[in-house]
């Protein structure tokens, strides 16, 4: 089905896809694919749950040890970066919702190589983050079944999320909705329990309350270097929030639902990160949060809840399944968008009822690497993939911000004034976010534990750009331009 709406006509409830690549003039009317898989309820909960995962439930302990109480400031700064990045993505998505999301925006506004690299880097990010979460599921299931091999649980997890993603977009949305209900419920329960501990003095600890934020070495016990060393762990915890842009392209009403989802980001960061970590730090002195158990378990332990570890295990397994579900969805849609532009194998462009079946199957096959890795190097696989994910995550954020800057430079005053959804604090908010990301890359070079991941990510970038030219992608005739005003 094709449509060619007038400029003043209402935008159709469809996702603009590629023009016919065999038409050098690009004169073929844009193909459109019917939307309707994700409701506003789904998108709001995808936005709500995208940053609540193992990075919060377990990774927060490492960030606290690195920065002490000043980690609260790092979460605020990192949250500001995420917010400005998502607002940039939201502005582009509301203006032109396209299959492929930010990979298409990078290609349209910064050139084919940039779009190619962004799309493949995001797919790389999603796959390795999924491998980390698959590994986590194997570890967490060992809490109850220590004698069962990890790969059994990894295969089971792949079957669950694979079935949801292959069934329909709505099935993915429903599964993610209920996963998020569990995650959000757990964080809210922790905050309420922590408030009860503080209000009624239920903890056995001799030190509770705001004094814990300054009692042991002050607010910056490890100095400025300690605070900045926690940047990477904090940004890794926020990884995956950009999935809102991909999911938004399949929403029933992106013009309304994308802004609503993104506008909740500041509240989500304040409640689910800053407030949660603040409660944890006021109940337990920061040095006691060693990572031997989740900070969330320590909250319930203070209340004498002996089954806190088992409860949290359920929550973290749910969080990991949720992350894998969203990763598979996001990578599948972006790679399908690349395939429609002939920037990925043509087989990945095939969809059934709007579901990128072949791309999803290929990604599931790649994730079997997690099964093999957890069989042969079970003690190292999580650390390896988590460090690689950090580079890929912030690289994709950087490309989103740069694409937005490029898109703004091409707008006429009339186009700018007609934007339905604009970024705030233009352009200083964008410059702040870009500087923060570049600074974090510098931290990766400074910290030995992340130096190898930085160079691996850099090598991946060079290889991806080289493949773009070696495979002749830059010579593809009539590659469509679904984003007006692009190259």
Protein backbone atom coordinates (compact mmCIF):
# COMPACT_ATOMS: atom_id res chain seq x y z
CA UNK A 1 0.00 0.00 0.00
CA UNK A 2 1.34 3.44 -0.84
CA UNK A 3 0.27 6.94 -0.01
CA UNK A 4 1.46 10.37 -0.98
CA UNK A 5 -0.12 12.76 1.49
CA UNK A 6 -0.02 16.49 0.94
CA UNK A 7 2.24 18.48 3.21
CA UNK A 8 -0.75 19.99 4.97
CA UNK A 9 -2.61 16.71 5.36
CA UNK A 10 -2.67 14.87 8.68
CA UNK A 11 0.21 12.47 9.10
CA UNK A 12 -1.01 8.90 8.43
CA UNK A 13 -0.90 6.34 11.19
CA UNK A 14 1.98 4.56 9.52
CA UNK A 15 5.72 4.22 9.64
CA UNK A 16 7.49 5.65 6.61
CA UNK A 17 9.75 3.05 5.11
CA UNK A 18 12.06 3.00 2.12
CA UNK A 19 11.38 4.21 -1.36
CA UNK A 20 12.07 1.72 -4.08
CA UNK A 21 15.88 1.30 -4.14
CA UNK A 22 15.75 0.46 -7.82
CA UNK A 23 14.43 3.93 -8.61
CA UNK A 24 17.53 6.17 -8.93
CA UNK A 25 15.49 9.35 -8.86
CA UNK A 26 13.81 8.32 -5.67
CA UNK A 27 10.51 9.32 -7.22
CA UNK A 28 8.56 6.30 -6.05
CA UNK A 29 6.08 7.32 -3.35
CA UNK A 30 7.22 6.13 0.08
CA UNK A 31 6.03 2.74 1.18
CA UNK A 32 4.18 2.77 4.43
CA UNK A 33 3.76 0.01 6.94
CA UNK A 34 0.70 0.04 9.14
CA UNK A 35 1.29 0.81 12.77
CA UNK A 36 -0.85 -0.27 15.69
CA UNK A 37 1.24 -2.84 17.56
CA UNK A 38 2.08 -0.77 20.64
CA UNK A 39 -0.44 1.22 22.64
CA UNK A 40 0.47 4.28 24.71
CA UNK A 41 0.27 2.05 27.80
CA UNK A 42 2.94 -0.23 26.33
CA UNK A 43 5.24 2.64 25.37
CA UNK A 44 4.93 4.29 28.79
CA UNK A 45 5.93 1.08 30.52
CA UNK A 46 8.74 0.38 28.06
CA UNK A 47 10.02 3.86 28.89
CA UNK A 48 9.51 3.21 32.60
CA UNK A 49 11.25 -0.16 32.64
CA UNK A 50 14.04 0.46 30.13
CA UNK A 51 16.45 1.81 32.75
CA UNK A 52 15.45 -0.51 35.60
CA UNK A 53 17.54 -3.64 35.36
CA UNK A 54 20.50 -5.50 36.78
CA UNK A 55 22.53 -2.28 36.55
CA UNK A 56 20.34 -0.83 39.31
CA UNK A 57 19.68 -3.92 41.41
CA UNK A 58 23.29 -5.13 41.54
CA UNK A 59 25.51 -2.64 39.68
CA UNK A 60 24.63 0.19 42.05
CA UNK A 61 26.83 -1.38 44.74
CA UNK A 62 29.96 -0.94 42.60
CA UNK A 63 29.07 2.68 41.85
CA UNK A 64 28.54 3.38 45.56
CA UNK A 65 31.90 1.84 46.46
CA UNK A 66 33.66 3.98 43.84
CA UNK A 67 32.06 7.33 44.68
CA UNK A 68 30.57 7.01 48.15
CA UNK A 69 27.56 9.27 48.78
CA UNK A 70 28.59 11.50 45.85
CA UNK A 71 27.20 8.78 43.59
CA UNK A 72 23.88 10.60 44.02
CA UNK A 73 25.35 13.53 42.09
CA UNK A 74 26.61 11.16 39.38
CA UNK A 75 23.13 9.64 38.96
CA UNK A 76 21.72 13.16 38.57
CA UNK A 77 24.35 14.12 35.99
CA UNK A 78 23.94 10.84 34.12
CA UNK A 79 20.19 11.25 34.23
CA UNK A 80 20.50 14.72 32.70
CA UNK A 81 22.57 13.27 29.84
CA UNK A 82 19.95 10.60 29.21
CA UNK A 83 17.17 13.18 29.30
CA UNK A 84 18.77 15.50 26.73
CA UNK A 85 19.61 12.52 24.51
CA UNK A 86 16.03 11.24 24.66
CA UNK A 87 14.58 14.68 24.02
CA UNK A 88 16.76 14.95 20.91
CA UNK A 89 15.59 11.52 19.79
CA UNK A 90 12.01 12.45 20.62
CA UNK A 91 12.14 15.61 18.54
CA UNK A 92 13.34 13.66 15.50
CA UNK A 93 10.95 10.75 16.10
CA UNK A 94 7.85 12.93 16.43
CA UNK A 95 8.80 14.89 13.32
CA UNK A 96 9.58 11.81 11.22
CA UNK A 97 8.76 8.39 12.76
CA UNK A 98 10.70 5.89 10.64
CA UNK A 99 11.59 2.23 10.82
CA UNK A 100 15.20 2.10 11.98
CA UNK A 101 14.86 5.14 14.25
CA UNK A 102 18.19 6.78 15.12
CA UNK A 103 20.18 4.76 12.58
CA UNK A 104 18.03 6.40 9.91
CA UNK A 105 18.43 9.84 11.45
CA UNK A 106 22.21 9.43 11.56
CA UNK A 107 22.25 8.32 7.91
CA UNK A 108 19.97 11.11 6.74
CA UNK A 109 21.73 13.93 8.57
CA UNK A 110 25.36 12.76 8.75
CA UNK A 111 25.75 10.44 5.77
CA UNK A 112 25.50 6.76 4.90
CA UNK A 113 28.59 5.68 6.83
CA UNK A 114 27.29 7.30 10.03
CA UNK A 115 23.91 5.57 9.71
CA UNK A 116 25.53 2.24 8.91
CA UNK A 117 27.85 2.50 11.92
CA UNK A 118 25.10 3.67 14.30
CA UNK A 119 22.76 0.84 13.33
CA UNK A 120 25.37 -1.87 13.64
CA UNK A 121 26.79 -0.41 16.87
CA UNK A 122 23.29 -0.44 18.38
CA UNK A 123 22.79 -4.05 17.29
CA UNK A 124 26.20 -4.83 18.81
CA UNK A 125 25.13 -3.09 22.03
CA UNK A 126 21.84 -4.96 22.23
CA UNK A 127 23.41 -8.36 21.59
CA UNK A 128 26.18 -8.00 24.16
CA UNK A 129 23.83 -6.51 26.77
CA UNK A 130 21.51 -9.45 26.15
CA UNK A 131 24.46 -11.81 26.60
CA UNK A 132 25.21 -10.13 29.94
CA UNK A 133 21.62 -10.56 31.06
CA UNK A 134 21.47 -14.15 29.82
CA UNK A 135 24.54 -14.82 31.91
CA UNK A 136 22.90 -13.11 34.88
CA UNK A 137 19.84 -15.34 34.56
CA UNK A 138 22.07 -18.42 34.64
CA UNK A 139 23.77 -17.10 37.80
CA UNK A 140 20.52 -16.15 39.54
CA UNK A 141 18.80 -19.46 38.81
CA UNK A 142 21.78 -21.12 40.49
CA UNK A 143 20.45 -19.61 43.74
CA UNK A 144 17.69 -22.24 43.70
CA UNK A 145 19.19 -24.89 41.41
CA UNK A 146 22.96 -24.92 42.02
CA UNK A 147 23.43 -28.31 40.36
CA UNK A 148 21.78 -27.39 37.04
CA UNK A 149 24.03 -26.14 34.25
CA UNK A 150 23.59 -22.46 33.36
CA UNK A 151 22.97 -23.12 29.69
CA UNK A 152 19.63 -24.78 30.53
CA UNK A 153 18.24 -21.51 31.92
CA UNK A 154 19.76 -19.49 29.09
CA UNK A 155 18.02 -21.65 26.49
CA UNK A 156 14.74 -21.33 28.41
CA UNK A 157 15.09 -17.53 28.51
CA UNK A 158 15.75 -17.37 24.76
CA UNK A 159 12.67 -19.48 24.08
CA UNK A 160 10.45 -17.15 26.18
CA UNK A 161 11.59 -13.84 24.68
CA UNK A 162 11.98 -15.33 21.22
CA UNK A 163 8.37 -16.52 21.21
CA UNK A 164 7.11 -13.09 22.34
CA UNK A 165 9.10 -11.23 19.68
CA UNK A 166 8.16 -13.61 16.89
CA UNK A 167 4.46 -13.66 17.76
CA UNK A 168 3.64 -9.98 17.28
CA UNK A 169 4.62 -6.48 18.32
CA UNK A 170 1.66 -6.48 20.71
CA UNK A 171 2.89 -9.71 22.35
CA UNK A 172 6.26 -8.07 22.95
CA UNK A 173 4.55 -5.02 24.43
CA UNK A 174 2.36 -7.07 26.77
CA UNK A 175 5.28 -9.15 28.05
CA UNK A 176 7.36 -6.02 28.63
CA UNK A 177 4.40 -4.37 30.39
CA UNK A 178 4.12 -7.14 32.99
CA UNK A 179 7.88 -7.45 33.42
CA UNK A 180 7.96 -3.72 34.21
CA UNK A 181 5.11 -4.02 36.70
CA UNK A 182 7.25 -6.49 38.70
CA UNK A 183 10.40 -4.34 38.51
CA UNK A 184 8.70 -1.08 39.41
CA UNK A 185 6.77 -2.76 42.21
CA UNK A 186 10.02 -4.05 43.71
CA UNK A 187 11.70 -0.63 43.69
CA UNK A 188 8.64 1.07 45.19
CA UNK A 189 8.41 -1.63 47.88
CA UNK A 190 12.08 -1.08 48.70
CA UNK A 191 11.62 2.69 49.00
CA UNK A 192 8.56 2.27 51.26
CA UNK A 193 10.38 -0.33 53.39
CA UNK A 194 13.42 1.93 53.64
CA UNK A 195 11.27 4.88 54.66
CA UNK A 196 9.74 2.71 57.39
CA UNK A 197 13.19 1.75 58.66
CA UNK A 198 14.21 5.41 58.84
CA UNK A 199 10.95 6.71 60.29
CA UNK A 200 10.48 4.07 63.00
CA UNK A 201 14.10 3.17 63.76
CA UNK A 202 13.68 -0.46 62.74
CA UNK A 203 17.32 -1.02 61.80
CA UNK A 204 19.87 -2.61 64.15
CA UNK A 205 22.55 -0.33 62.72
CA UNK A 206 23.90 2.30 65.08
CA UNK A 207 24.01 4.84 62.28
CA UNK A 208 21.00 5.66 60.13
CA UNK A 209 19.62 8.83 58.61
CA UNK A 210 21.09 11.79 56.66
CA UNK A 211 24.25 11.71 58.78
CA UNK A 212 25.38 8.64 56.82
CA UNK A 213 25.90 10.90 53.80
CA UNK A 214 28.77 12.76 55.47
CA UNK A 215 29.89 10.68 58.48
CA UNK A 216 32.55 8.58 56.77
CA UNK A 217 34.92 10.80 54.79
CA UNK A 218 32.30 13.37 53.82
CA UNK A 219 30.12 13.51 50.72
CA UNK A 220 33.19 12.92 48.49
CA UNK A 221 35.12 10.29 50.50
CA UNK A 222 37.19 9.13 47.52
CA UNK A 223 37.65 12.60 46.07
CA UNK A 224 36.84 13.81 42.58
CA UNK A 225 38.61 10.84 40.96
CA UNK A 226 36.44 8.42 42.91
CA UNK A 227 33.31 10.18 41.77
CA UNK A 228 34.23 10.25 38.07
CA UNK A 229 35.29 6.60 38.17
CA UNK A 230 31.65 5.72 38.89
CA UNK A 231 30.46 7.45 35.69
CA UNK A 232 30.83 4.30 33.60
CA UNK A 233 28.83 2.09 35.96
CA UNK A 234 26.08 4.70 36.22
CA UNK A 235 25.79 5.22 32.45
CA UNK A 236 25.78 1.47 31.91
CA UNK A 237 22.80 1.27 34.27
CA UNK A 238 20.94 3.79 32.08
CA UNK A 239 21.72 1.82 28.92
CA UNK A 240 18.70 0.77 26.87
CA UNK A 241 16.66 3.93 27.43
CA UNK A 242 17.08 4.75 23.74
CA UNK A 243 14.75 1.83 22.95
CA UNK A 244 11.94 4.38 23.36
CA UNK A 245 12.79 5.77 19.92
CA UNK A 246 12.61 2.36 18.29
CA UNK A 247 9.40 1.35 20.06
CA UNK A 248 7.88 4.75 19.37
CA UNK A 249 8.01 4.17 15.61
CA UNK A 250 5.52 1.32 16.12
CA UNK A 251 3.19 3.17 18.47
CA UNK A 252 -0.36 3.91 17.43
CA UNK A 253 0.10 7.65 17.90
CA UNK A 254 3.81 8.57 18.09
CA UNK A 255 3.08 12.30 18.03
CA UNK A 256 1.36 11.95 21.40
CA UNK A 257 2.82 8.83 23.01
CA UNK A 258 6.55 9.54 22.46
CA UNK A 259 6.50 12.93 24.27
CA UNK A 260 4.44 11.45 27.11
CA UNK A 261 6.92 8.60 27.56
CA UNK A 262 10.04 10.80 27.39
CA UNK A 263 8.63 13.51 29.64
CA UNK A 264 8.45 11.00 32.49
CA UNK A 265 12.22 10.46 32.38
CA UNK A 266 13.18 13.09 35.00
CA UNK A 267 10.65 11.72 37.50
CA UNK A 268 11.75 8.13 36.83
CA UNK A 269 15.40 9.00 37.40
CA UNK A 270 14.64 10.93 40.59
CA UNK A 271 12.41 8.20 42.04
CA UNK A 272 13.91 4.93 40.85
CA UNK A 273 17.58 5.89 41.05
CA UNK A 274 18.25 8.95 43.19
CA UNK A 275 15.57 8.32 45.82
CA UNK A 276 16.25 4.57 45.94
CA UNK A 277 20.02 5.06 46.35
CA UNK A 278 19.44 7.86 48.88
CA UNK A 279 17.33 5.52 51.04
CA UNK A 280 19.98 2.80 50.78
CA UNK A 281 22.78 5.20 51.81
CA UNK A 282 20.84 6.58 54.76
CA UNK A 283 20.15 3.09 56.13
CA UNK A 284 23.58 1.54 55.53
CA UNK A 285 26.91 3.40 55.73
CA UNK A 286 28.36 3.41 52.22
CA UNK A 287 31.38 1.26 53.13
CA UNK A 288 29.05 -1.55 54.23
CA UNK A 289 27.58 -1.79 50.71
CA UNK A 290 30.26 -4.12 49.38
CA UNK A 291 28.42 -5.88 46.57
CA UNK A 292 28.47 -9.24 48.35
CA UNK A 293 24.70 -8.88 48.26
CA UNK A 294 22.45 -6.40 46.51
CA UNK A 295 21.88 -3.10 48.32
CA UNK A 296 18.18 -3.86 47.93
CA UNK A 297 18.56 -7.09 49.91
CA UNK A 298 20.24 -5.12 52.69
CA UNK A 299 17.14 -2.92 52.99
CA UNK A 300 14.84 -5.90 53.55
CA UNK A 301 17.41 -7.57 55.80
CA UNK A 302 17.26 -4.50 58.04
CA UNK A 303 13.55 -5.22 58.46
CA UNK A 304 14.26 -8.83 59.39
CA UNK A 305 12.80 -10.18 56.16
CA UNK A 306 14.76 -13.42 55.89
CA UNK A 307 13.40 -14.27 52.46
CA UNK A 308 14.64 -10.96 50.98
CA UNK A 309 17.32 -12.67 48.90
CA UNK A 310 14.81 -15.06 47.34
CA UNK A 311 12.39 -12.21 46.65
CA UNK A 312 15.06 -10.12 44.97
CA UNK A 313 16.16 -13.11 42.94
CA UNK A 314 12.69 -13.25 41.36
CA UNK A 315 12.84 -9.52 40.62
CA UNK A 316 16.31 -9.59 39.09
CA UNK A 317 15.46 -12.57 36.89
CA UNK A 318 12.39 -10.65 35.72
CA UNK A 319 14.55 -7.57 35.08
CA UNK A 320 17.01 -9.61 33.04
CA UNK A 321 14.23 -11.22 30.97
CA UNK A 322 12.74 -7.76 30.42
CA UNK A 323 16.09 -6.42 29.20
CA UNK A 324 16.62 -9.32 26.79
CA UNK A 325 13.06 -8.93 25.49
CA UNK A 326 13.61 -5.22 24.77
CA UNK A 327 17.12 -5.77 23.36
CA UNK A 328 15.83 -8.32 20.87
CA UNK A 329 12.99 -6.01 19.85
CA UNK A 330 15.24 -2.96 19.42
CA UNK A 331 18.04 -4.68 17.53
CA UNK A 332 15.56 -6.43 15.25
CA UNK A 333 13.81 -3.20 14.24
CA UNK A 334 17.00 -1.23 13.67
CA UNK A 335 18.63 -3.98 11.59
CA UNK A 336 15.44 -4.36 9.56
CA UNK A 337 15.53 -0.63 8.90
CA UNK A 338 19.14 -0.97 7.71
CA UNK A 339 18.21 -3.91 5.50
CA UNK A 340 15.46 -1.87 3.83
CA UNK A 341 18.19 0.63 2.93
CA UNK A 342 20.42 -2.24 1.70
CA UNK A 343 22.81 -1.57 4.59
CA UNK A 344 22.28 -5.10 5.92
CA UNK A 345 21.63 -8.47 4.26
CA UNK A 346 18.37 -8.37 2.29
CA UNK A 347 16.95 -11.35 4.17
CA UNK A 348 16.73 -9.11 7.27
CA UNK A 349 14.25 -6.82 5.51
CA UNK A 350 11.57 -9.51 5.43
CA UNK A 351 8.69 -8.98 7.85
CA UNK A 352 5.55 -11.00 8.62
CA UNK A 353 2.63 -9.04 10.12
CA UNK A 354 5.10 -6.24 10.79
CA UNK A 355 7.44 -8.56 12.72
CA UNK A 356 11.05 -8.82 11.44
CA UNK A 357 11.02 -12.60 11.60
CA UNK A 358 14.30 -13.41 9.88
CA UNK A 359 16.23 -10.72 11.77
CA UNK A 360 14.83 -11.96 15.08
CA UNK A 361 15.75 -15.57 14.26
CA UNK A 362 19.29 -14.51 13.27
CA UNK A 363 19.70 -12.55 16.51
CA UNK A 364 18.46 -15.51 18.56
CA UNK A 365 21.01 -17.69 16.81
CA UNK A 366 23.78 -15.20 17.61
CA UNK A 367 22.70 -15.15 21.24
CA UNK A 368 23.39 -18.86 21.41
CA UNK A 369 26.95 -17.58 21.87
CA UNK A 370 25.79 -16.95 25.44
CA UNK A 371 25.11 -20.64 25.86
CA UNK A 372 28.59 -21.56 24.64
CA UNK A 373 30.34 -18.81 26.60
CA UNK A 374 28.63 -19.78 29.83
CA UNK A 375 29.70 -23.37 29.28
CA UNK A 376 33.41 -22.67 28.80
CA UNK A 377 34.14 -19.35 30.57
CA UNK A 378 31.32 -18.99 33.16
CA UNK A 379 33.38 -16.89 35.59
CA UNK A 380 34.49 -14.21 33.10
CA UNK A 381 31.71 -13.80 30.56
CA UNK A 382 29.60 -11.26 32.51
CA UNK A 383 32.55 -8.94 33.18
CA UNK A 384 33.67 -9.07 29.54
CA UNK A 385 30.35 -8.29 27.92
CA UNK A 386 29.38 -5.62 30.48
CA UNK A 387 32.49 -3.57 29.78
CA UNK A 388 31.93 -3.82 26.02
CA UNK A 389 28.31 -2.74 26.45
CA UNK A 390 29.37 0.50 28.12
CA UNK A 391 31.29 1.68 25.06
CA UNK A 392 28.52 0.73 22.65
CA UNK A 393 25.81 2.37 24.76
CA UNK A 394 27.37 5.81 25.06
CA UNK A 395 28.58 5.69 21.44
CA UNK A 396 24.98 5.29 20.23
CA UNK A 397 23.91 8.15 22.50
CA UNK A 398 26.63 10.34 21.01
CA UNK A 399 25.48 9.59 17.46
CA UNK A 400 21.87 10.44 18.37
CA UNK A 401 22.96 13.82 19.76
CA UNK A 402 25.18 14.59 16.76
CA UNK A 403 22.40 13.62 14.32
CA UNK A 404 20.05 15.97 16.14
CA UNK A 405 22.51 18.85 15.93
CA UNK A 406 22.91 18.18 12.20
CA UNK A 407 19.14 18.05 11.71
CA UNK A 408 18.68 21.42 13.40
CA UNK A 409 21.31 23.05 11.18
CA UNK A 410 19.28 22.09 8.08
CA UNK A 411 15.97 23.47 9.34
CA UNK A 412 14.52 26.72 8.04
CA UNK A 413 13.03 29.14 10.59
CA UNK A 414 9.57 28.02 9.45
CA UNK A 415 10.39 24.34 10.01
CA UNK A 416 11.85 25.13 13.42
CA UNK A 417 8.78 27.04 14.54
CA UNK A 418 6.50 24.23 13.36
CA UNK A 419 8.15 21.55 15.52
CA UNK A 420 5.59 19.84 17.73
CA UNK A 421 8.17 18.65 20.27
CA UNK A 422 11.36 20.65 20.88
CA UNK A 423 14.39 19.94 23.03
CA UNK A 424 14.73 22.20 26.09
CA UNK A 425 17.71 24.48 26.78
CA UNK A 426 18.82 24.45 23.14
CA UNK A 427 21.72 24.17 22.37
CA UNK A 428 23.46 24.12 25.75
CA UNK A 429 21.74 20.97 26.99
CA UNK A 430 22.94 19.10 23.90
CA UNK A 431 26.50 20.41 24.29
CA UNK A 432 26.52 19.37 27.94
CA UNK A 433 25.41 15.82 27.08
CA UNK A 434 28.01 15.50 24.28
CA UNK A 435 30.80 16.78 26.55
CA UNK A 436 29.79 14.34 29.30
CA UNK A 437 29.89 11.38 26.90
CA UNK A 438 33.30 12.39 25.49
CA UNK A 439 34.56 12.79 29.06
CA UNK A 440 33.33 9.28 29.85
CA UNK A 441 35.29 7.91 26.89
CA UNK A 442 38.32 9.57 28.44
CA UNK A 443 37.57 7.83 31.75
CA UNK A 444 37.47 4.48 29.94
CA UNK A 445 40.98 5.14 28.69
CA UNK A 446 42.07 6.20 32.17
CA UNK A 447 40.72 3.13 34.00
CA UNK A 448 42.63 -0.09 33.20
CA UNK A 449 39.54 -2.28 33.65
CA UNK A 450 37.78 -0.51 30.77
CA UNK A 451 40.73 0.25 28.50
CA UNK A 452 40.48 -3.01 26.55
CA UNK A 453 36.73 -2.50 26.05
CA UNK A 454 37.40 1.00 24.68
CA UNK A 455 39.85 -0.28 22.09
CA UNK A 456 37.59 -3.21 21.14
CA UNK A 457 34.73 -0.76 20.60
CA UNK A 458 36.99 1.51 18.59
CA UNK A 459 38.14 -1.43 16.46
CA UNK A 460 34.49 -2.43 15.86
CA UNK A 461 33.77 1.13 14.68
CA UNK A 462 36.69 1.12 12.25
CA UNK A 463 35.77 -2.31 10.89
CA UNK A 464 32.11 -1.31 10.45
CA UNK A 465 32.99 1.83 8.48
CA UNK A 466 35.51 -0.15 6.41
CA UNK A 467 32.85 -2.77 5.62
CA UNK A 468 30.48 -0.01 4.51
CA UNK A 469 32.93 0.92 1.76
CA UNK A 470 34.43 -2.52 1.05
CA UNK A 471 30.99 -4.06 0.44
CA UNK A 472 30.03 -1.17 -1.82
CA UNK A 473 27.16 0.05 0.38
CA UNK A 474 28.15 3.62 -0.43
CA UNK A 475 27.44 2.92 -4.10
CA UNK A 476 23.94 1.48 -3.66
CA UNK A 477 21.86 3.29 -6.30
CA UNK A 478 18.84 5.25 -5.18
CA UNK A 479 19.12 4.49 -1.48
CA UNK A 480 15.97 6.08 -0.18
CA UNK A 481 15.82 9.04 2.11
CA UNK A 482 12.88 8.53 4.47
CA UNK A 483 13.76 11.62 6.48
CA UNK A 484 13.00 14.82 4.57
CA UNK A 485 15.80 17.33 4.70
CA UNK A 486 18.48 14.63 4.93
CA UNK A 487 21.26 13.85 2.49
